[in-house]
Amino acid sequence: MEYQARQIGDVTILDITGRLDVGTGLAFGPGEGVPLHAVVRDFAARGQTKIVLNLRDVTYIDSSGIGELVAGVTTARAKGGDLKVVNPNMVVQKLLQMTRIDPLVIEVKPDEVSALQSFSKAAVSGGAAAS
């Protein structure tokens, strides 16, 4: 499992490649052995709390991977942000739906544009509620 980070405005996009499972999903990126939720925590600690996980190149996900996604969204929300998933393949998307992670825990968007727009809408509706 590897990732590349990109920034679009105030949103961090993590392009994830490979498998998100107990064997690899919990040890990926620079300095292997770093769990996905720890990567999200590090970005959130630097103030990058709007995070999109691009799963286009994720070929497999198991219950440990689901746990990492849930831990990541919990971390982002605790810091005042959110985490969204984009581009899951059909197998990953069905798993997220079967486990009811989508839509109860994590928003799954069909593409990056939708995810970026959803952050903007959340800010507008959040601002309107505070007025």
C-alpha atoms as a PDB file:
ATOM      1  CA  MET A   1       0.000   0.000   0.000  1.00  0.00           C
ATOM      2  CA  GLU A   2       1.335   3.382  -0.991  1.00  0.00           C
ATOM      3  CA  TYR A   3      -0.038   6.894  -1.154  1.00  0.00           C
ATOM      4  CA  GLN A   4       0.686  10.211  -2.759  1.00  0.00           C
ATOM      5  CA  ALA A   5      -0.612  13.427  -1.188  1.00  0.00           C
ATOM      6  CA  ARG A   6      -1.890  16.390  -3.186  1.00  0.00           C
ATOM      7  CA  GLN A   7      -3.429  19.659  -2.097  1.00  0.00           C
ATOM      8  CA  ILE A   8      -6.360  21.369  -3.842  1.00  0.00           C
ATOM      9  CA  GLY A   9      -7.200  24.537  -1.968  1.00  0.00           C
ATOM     10  CA  ASP A  10      -7.687  23.537   1.656  1.00  0.00           C
ATOM     11  CA  VAL A  11      -8.420  19.883   0.821  1.00  0.00           C
ATOM     12  CA  THR A  12      -5.760  17.167   1.030  1.00  0.00           C
ATOM     13  CA  ILE A  13      -6.203  14.308  -1.417  1.00  0.00           C
ATOM     14  CA  LEU A  14      -4.482  11.016  -0.702  1.00  0.00           C
ATOM     15  CA  ASP A  15      -4.188   8.836  -3.803  1.00  0.00           C
ATOM     16  CA  ILE A  16      -3.972   5.317  -2.388  1.00  0.00           C
ATOM     17  CA  THR A  17      -2.630   2.368  -4.359  1.00  0.00           C
ATOM     18  CA  GLY A  18      -2.748  -1.355  -3.580  1.00  0.00           C
ATOM     19  CA  ARG A  19      -4.585  -3.299  -0.906  1.00  0.00           C
ATOM     20  CA  LEU A  20      -6.118  -1.930   2.260  1.00  0.00           C
ATOM     21  CA  ASP A  21      -6.055  -5.006   4.461  1.00  0.00           C
ATOM     22  CA  VAL A  22      -4.559  -6.399   7.632  1.00  0.00           C
ATOM     23  CA  GLY A  23      -1.301  -7.281   5.870  1.00  0.00           C
ATOM     24  CA  THR A  24      -0.743  -4.088   3.924  1.00  0.00           C
ATOM     25  CA  GLY A  25      -3.368  -1.510   4.825  1.00  0.00           C
ATOM     26  CA  LEU A  26      -1.873  -1.071   8.234  1.00  0.00           C
ATOM     27  CA  ALA A  27       1.638  -0.571   6.912  1.00  0.00           C
ATOM     28  CA  PHE A  28       2.023   1.747   3.982  1.00  0.00           C
ATOM     29  CA  GLY A  29       3.712   4.850   2.771  1.00  0.00           C
ATOM     30  CA  PRO A  30       7.096   6.234   3.720  1.00  0.00           C
ATOM     31  CA  GLY A  31       8.600   4.329   6.619  1.00  0.00           C
ATOM     32  CA  GLU A  32       6.201   1.389   6.298  1.00  0.00           C
ATOM     33  CA  GLY A  33       4.379   0.363   9.424  1.00  0.00           C
ATOM     34  CA  VAL A  34       2.343   3.570   9.516  1.00  0.00           C
ATOM     35  CA  PRO A  35      -1.422   2.913   9.751  1.00  0.00           C
ATOM     36  CA  LEU A  36      -3.758   4.882   7.494  1.00  0.00           C
ATOM     37  CA  HIS A  37      -5.417   6.556  10.473  1.00  0.00           C
ATOM     38  CA  ALA A  38      -1.984   7.711  11.685  1.00  0.00           C
ATOM     39  CA  VAL A  39      -1.347   9.353   8.312  1.00  0.00           C
ATOM     40  CA  VAL A  40      -4.726  11.092   8.590  1.00  0.00           C
ATOM     41  CA  ARG A  41      -3.871  12.119  12.173  1.00  0.00           C
ATOM     42  CA  ASP A  42      -0.559  13.620  11.019  1.00  0.00           C
ATOM     43  CA  PHE A  43      -2.260  15.675   8.314  1.00  0.00           C
ATOM     44  CA  ALA A  44      -4.981  16.784  10.741  1.00  0.00           C
ATOM     45  CA  ALA A  45      -2.367  17.793  13.330  1.00  0.00           C
ATOM     46  CA  ARG A  46      -0.894  20.127  10.689  1.00  0.00           C
ATOM     47  CA  GLY A  47      -4.311  21.714  10.171  1.00  0.00           C
ATOM     48  CA  GLN A  48      -5.161  19.747   7.043  1.00  0.00           C
ATOM     49  CA  THR A  49      -8.492  18.419   8.287  1.00  0.00           C
ATOM     50  CA  LYS A  50     -10.401  18.180   4.990  1.00  0.00           C
ATOM     51  CA  ILE A  51      -9.208  14.891   3.550  1.00  0.00           C
ATOM     52  CA  VAL A  52     -10.236  12.899   0.506  1.00  0.00           C
ATOM     53  CA  LEU A  53      -9.113   9.305   0.059  1.00  0.00           C
ATOM     54  CA  ASN A  54      -8.929   8.462  -3.634  1.00  0.00           C
ATOM     55  CA  LEU A  55      -9.454   4.696  -3.752  1.00  0.00           C
ATOM     56  CA  ARG A  56      -9.363   4.360  -7.551  1.00  0.00           C
ATOM     57  CA  ASP A  57      -6.251   2.156  -7.378  1.00  0.00           C
ATOM     58  CA  VAL A  58      -7.221   0.166  -4.276  1.00  0.00           C
ATOM     59  CA  THR A  59      -7.738  -3.403  -5.428  1.00  0.00           C
ATOM     60  CA  TYR A  60      -8.958  -4.959  -2.175  1.00  0.00           C
ATOM     61  CA  ILE A  61     -10.192  -3.963   1.266  1.00  0.00           C
ATOM     62  CA  ASP A  62     -10.961  -6.137   4.294  1.00  0.00           C
ATOM     63  CA  SER A  63     -12.382  -5.491   7.768  1.00  0.00           C
ATOM     64  CA  SER A  64      -9.055  -4.082   8.992  1.00  0.00           C
ATOM     65  CA  GLY A  65      -9.088  -1.645   6.093  1.00  0.00           C
ATOM     66  CA  ILE A  66     -12.670  -0.669   6.950  1.00  0.00           C
ATOM     67  CA  GLY A  67     -11.506  -0.079  10.527  1.00  0.00           C
ATOM     68  CA  GLU A  68      -8.732   2.185   9.268  1.00  0.00           C
ATOM     69  CA  LEU A  69     -11.244   4.208   7.226  1.00  0.00           C
ATOM     70  CA  VAL A  70     -13.507   4.614  10.259  1.00  0.00           C
ATOM     71  CA  ALA A  71     -10.554   5.604  12.470  1.00  0.00           C
ATOM     72  CA  GLY A  72      -9.466   8.124   9.834  1.00  0.00           C
ATOM     73  CA  VAL A  73     -12.881   9.784   9.594  1.00  0.00           C
ATOM     74  CA  THR A  74     -13.149   9.868  13.394  1.00  0.00           C
ATOM     75  CA  THR A  75      -9.757  11.569  13.628  1.00  0.00           C
ATOM     76  CA  ALA A  76     -10.563  14.155  10.946  1.00  0.00           C
ATOM     77  CA  ARG A  77     -13.923  15.007  12.526  1.00  0.00           C
ATOM     78  CA  ALA A  78     -12.394  15.301  15.992  1.00  0.00           C
ATOM     79  CA  LYS A  79     -10.136  18.026  14.572  1.00  0.00           C
ATOM     80  CA  GLY A  80     -13.100  19.880  13.051  1.00  0.00           C
ATOM     81  CA  GLY A  81     -12.760  18.472   9.543  1.00  0.00           C
ATOM     82  CA  ASP A  82     -14.019  15.498   7.605  1.00  0.00           C
ATOM     83  CA  LEU A  83     -12.819  12.611   5.481  1.00  0.00           C
ATOM     84  CA  LYS A  84     -14.478  11.472   2.269  1.00  0.00           C
ATOM     85  CA  VAL A  85     -13.844   8.617  -0.113  1.00  0.00           C
ATOM     86  CA  VAL A  86     -13.849   8.876  -3.905  1.00  0.00           C
ATOM     87  CA  ASN A  87     -13.536   6.509  -6.852  1.00  0.00           C
ATOM     88  CA  PRO A  88     -13.952   3.135  -5.122  1.00  0.00           C
ATOM     89  CA  ASN A  89     -14.072   0.234  -7.566  1.00  0.00           C
ATOM     90  CA  MET A  90     -17.264  -1.828  -7.631  1.00  0.00           C
ATOM     91  CA  VAL A  91     -15.993  -4.440  -5.149  1.00  0.00           C
ATOM     92  CA  VAL A  92     -14.851  -1.832  -2.607  1.00  0.00           C
ATOM     93  CA  GLN A  93     -18.027   0.197  -3.071  1.00  0.00           C
ATOM     94  CA  LYS A  94     -20.236  -2.857  -2.444  1.00  0.00           C
ATOM     95  CA  LEU A  95     -18.277  -3.701   0.711  1.00  0.00           C
ATOM     96  CA  LEU A  96     -18.684  -0.157   2.014  1.00  0.00           C
ATOM     97  CA  GLN A  97     -22.416  -0.368   1.342  1.00  0.00           C
ATOM     98  CA  MET A  98     -22.844  -3.877   2.799  1.00  0.00           C
ATOM     99  CA  THR A  99     -21.106  -2.846   6.018  1.00  0.00           C
ATOM    100  CA  ARG A 100     -23.229   0.332   6.042  1.00  0.00           C
ATOM    101  CA  ILE A 101     -20.094   2.449   6.274  1.00  0.00           C
ATOM    102  CA  ASP A 102     -21.510   4.284   3.240  1.00  0.00           C
ATOM    103  CA  PRO A 103     -23.549   6.383   3.906  1.00  0.00           C
ATOM    104  CA  LEU A 104     -23.792   6.143   7.716  1.00  0.00           C
ATOM    105  CA  VAL A 105     -20.148   6.825   8.582  1.00  0.00           C
ATOM    106  CA  ILE A 106     -18.252   7.997   5.500  1.00  0.00           C
ATOM    107  CA  GLU A 107     -19.455   9.926   2.483  1.00  0.00           C
ATOM    108  CA  VAL A 108     -18.499   8.150  -0.721  1.00  0.00           C
ATOM    109  CA  LYS A 109     -18.442  10.415  -3.749  1.00  0.00           C
ATOM    110  CA  PRO A 110     -18.118   9.310  -7.378  1.00  0.00           C
ATOM    111  CA  ASP A 111     -15.249  11.716  -8.133  1.00  0.00           C
ATOM    112  CA  GLU A 112     -12.973  14.404  -6.705  1.00  0.00           C
ATOM    113  CA  VAL A 113     -15.083  17.286  -8.005  1.00  0.00           C
ATOM    114  CA  SER A 114     -18.108  16.023  -6.038  1.00  0.00           C
ATOM    115  CA  ALA A 115     -16.004  15.600  -2.907  1.00  0.00           C
ATOM    116  CA  LEU A 116     -14.486  19.079  -3.191  1.00  0.00           C
ATOM    117  CA  GLN A 117     -17.942  20.600  -3.729  1.00  0.00           C
ATOM    118  CA  SER A 118     -19.329  18.739  -0.710  1.00  0.00           C
ATOM    119  CA  PHE A 119     -16.716  20.379   1.529  1.00  0.00           C
ATOM    120  CA  SER A 120     -17.788  23.789   0.210  1.00  0.00           C
ATOM    121  CA  LYS A 121     -21.475  23.025   0.801  1.00  0.00           C
ATOM    122  CA  ALA A 122     -20.730  21.841   4.339  1.00  0.00           C
ATOM    123  CA  ALA A 123     -18.913  25.107   5.084  1.00  0.00           C
ATOM    124  CA  VAL A 124     -21.808  27.165   3.704  1.00  0.00           C
ATOM    125  CA  SER A 125     -24.495  25.240   5.612  1.00  0.00           C
ATOM    126  CA  GLY A 126     -22.348  25.235   8.759  1.00  0.00           C
ATOM    127  CA  GLY A 127     -21.855  28.986   8.474  1.00  0.00           C
ATOM    128  CA  ALA A 128     -25.570  29.566   7.927  1.00  0.00           C
ATOM    129  CA  ALA A 129     -26.439  27.596  11.054  1.00  0.00           C
ATOM    130  CA  ALA A 130     -23.990  29.635  13.119  1.00  0.00           C
ATOM    131  CA  SER A 131     -25.468  33.000  12.033  1.00  0.00           C
END
